[in-house]
Every structure is written in structure tokens, then in C-alpha cells.
């Protein structure tokens, strides 16, 4: 249950970080041109400082979530279905039947 929630959070973080990177100003204007006047929304310095902080924060959360998911999956991988099966059952081979081959 917890790993599925963290996996959904991971997907949302990926989408958010892609959007944050695409909105940043590059050598060409990029997708930031379609958002209108950014100076009034993000303050006097413009979107560069704000989007850089958002990108860093989302990137940090992405890395922390990735490490947490890796730890949780490695813990669940320590137990094997086969190990649990052999510990709980006693398998006894059937006795061999004698066959009469002297006809």
C-alpha cells in the first residue's frame, strides 16, 4: 500500500519537474513565452529565481522519494515466495512402486 502511494507520488513529481524545467527561460524563449507576463506574477526579478527554487525543491523531493522507494523494494525483495514455501511445508517424495518384469 505504501509503495503504491510513493509510486504515484513519483509519477506526479516527474510531471511537475518536467513542467518546471520547460517553463524556465533558455537561450530561446521556450514554453515560458506562452505563460504571459511573468514579471508581475513572480515578482520584480521575474520567473528565473522562483522557477529555479521550485525546480530545486521538486528535484530534491524526487531524489528522496526515489531513495525511499529503492529501500522499500529492496526490503520486500529479501523475502522470496520460494523461501516461504519451503519453510512451511514438508515435501515427501512418494515411495517407488515395485514392478514385476518377469513375464
Protein backbone atom coordinates (compact mmCIF):
# COMPACT_ATOMS: atom_id res chain seq x y z
CA UNK A 1 0.00 0.00 0.00
CA UNK A 2 2.73 2.44 0.94
CA UNK A 3 4.89 1.62 -2.08
CA UNK A 4 1.97 2.16 -4.45
CA UNK A 5 1.33 5.58 -2.90
CA UNK A 6 5.01 6.52 -3.23
CA UNK A 7 4.99 5.32 -6.84
CA UNK A 8 2.05 7.63 -7.60
CA UNK A 9 3.89 10.49 -5.87
CA UNK A 10 6.94 9.67 -8.01
CA UNK A 11 4.91 9.98 -11.23
CA UNK A 12 3.42 13.30 -10.09
CA UNK A 13 6.89 14.61 -9.20
CA UNK A 14 8.20 13.63 -12.64
CA UNK A 15 5.38 15.53 -14.36
CA UNK A 16 5.94 18.59 -12.14
CA UNK A 17 9.68 18.68 -12.69
CA UNK A 18 9.24 18.41 -16.45
CA UNK A 19 6.80 21.34 -16.39
CA UNK A 20 9.12 23.40 -14.16
CA UNK A 21 12.09 22.81 -16.45
CA UNK A 22 10.13 23.60 -19.60
CA UNK A 23 8.85 26.88 -18.14
CA UNK A 24 12.35 28.17 -17.42
CA UNK A 25 13.93 30.66 -19.76
CA UNK A 26 16.53 29.20 -22.06
CA UNK A 27 18.63 30.61 -24.91
CA UNK A 28 15.44 30.56 -26.93
CA UNK A 29 12.28 31.63 -25.12
CA UNK A 30 10.83 28.10 -24.79
CA UNK A 31 7.41 27.47 -23.28
CA UNK A 32 7.74 30.46 -20.95
CA UNK A 33 6.54 32.68 -23.80
CA UNK A 34 3.06 31.18 -23.60
CA UNK A 35 2.52 31.99 -19.93
CA UNK A 36 2.04 35.72 -20.43
CA UNK A 37 3.69 38.44 -18.38
CA UNK A 38 5.78 36.60 -15.82
CA UNK A 39 7.29 39.70 -14.23
CA UNK A 40 4.08 40.68 -12.47
CA UNK A 41 3.26 37.17 -11.23
CA UNK A 42 6.63 36.13 -9.86
CA UNK A 43 7.97 39.45 -8.60
CA UNK A 44 10.49 42.03 -9.78
CA UNK A 45 13.24 39.53 -10.57
CA UNK A 46 10.99 37.55 -12.91
CA UNK A 47 10.45 33.81 -13.05
CA UNK A 48 14.12 32.79 -13.08
CA UNK A 49 14.64 32.88 -9.33
CA UNK A 50 11.22 31.46 -8.50
CA UNK A 51 11.35 28.66 -11.07
CA UNK A 52 14.90 27.77 -10.07
CA UNK A 53 13.81 27.34 -6.45
CA UNK A 54 10.75 25.30 -7.48
CA UNK A 55 12.87 23.08 -9.73
CA UNK A 56 15.42 22.51 -6.98
CA UNK A 57 12.71 21.68 -4.44
CA UNK A 58 10.89 19.26 -6.73
CA UNK A 59 14.21 17.68 -7.72
CA UNK A 60 15.16 17.20 -4.08
CA UNK A 61 11.77 15.59 -3.32
CA UNK A 62 12.21 13.35 -6.37
CA UNK A 63 15.60 12.12 -5.17
CA UNK A 64 14.34 11.49 -1.62
CA UNK A 65 11.30 9.62 -2.95
CA UNK A 66 13.50 7.54 -5.28
CA UNK A 67 15.80 6.52 -2.43
CA UNK A 68 12.79 5.65 -0.24
CA UNK A 69 11.22 3.54 -2.99
CA UNK A 70 14.52 1.75 -3.59
CA UNK A 71 14.89 0.97 0.10
CA UNK A 72 11.32 -0.32 0.38
CA UNK A 73 11.60 -2.50 -2.71
CA UNK A 74 14.94 -3.93 -1.55
CA UNK A 75 13.39 -4.82 1.83
CA UNK A 76 10.50 -6.61 0.14
CA UNK A 77 12.91 -8.41 -2.21
CA UNK A 78 14.71 -10.06 0.72
CA UNK A 79 11.78 -12.41 1.19
CA UNK A 80 11.17 -14.93 -1.54
CA UNK A 81 7.98 -16.82 -2.20
CA UNK A 82 10.01 -20.00 -2.65
CA UNK A 83 11.75 -19.49 0.70
CA UNK A 84 8.40 -19.12 2.45
CA UNK A 85 7.06 -22.17 0.65
CA UNK A 86 9.94 -24.49 1.62
CA UNK A 87 9.96 -23.35 5.25
CA UNK A 88 6.28 -24.05 5.84
CA UNK A 89 5.78 -27.35 4.02
CA UNK A 90 7.40 -30.73 4.38
CA UNK A 91 7.60 -32.32 0.97
CA UNK A 92 7.94 -36.09 1.00
CA UNK A 93 8.73 -37.97 -2.18
CA UNK A 94 6.34 -40.82 -2.99
CA UNK A 95 7.62 -44.33 -2.47
CA UNK A 96 8.71 -46.16 -5.61
CA UNK A 97 6.41 -48.97 -6.71
CA UNK A 98 7.90 -52.33 -7.43
CA UNK A 99 7.16 -53.61 -10.89
CA UNK A 100 7.23 -57.22 -11.96
CA UNK A 101 9.16 -57.55 -15.20
CA UNK A 102 9.44 -61.37 -15.35
CA UNK A 103 6.71 -62.36 -17.82
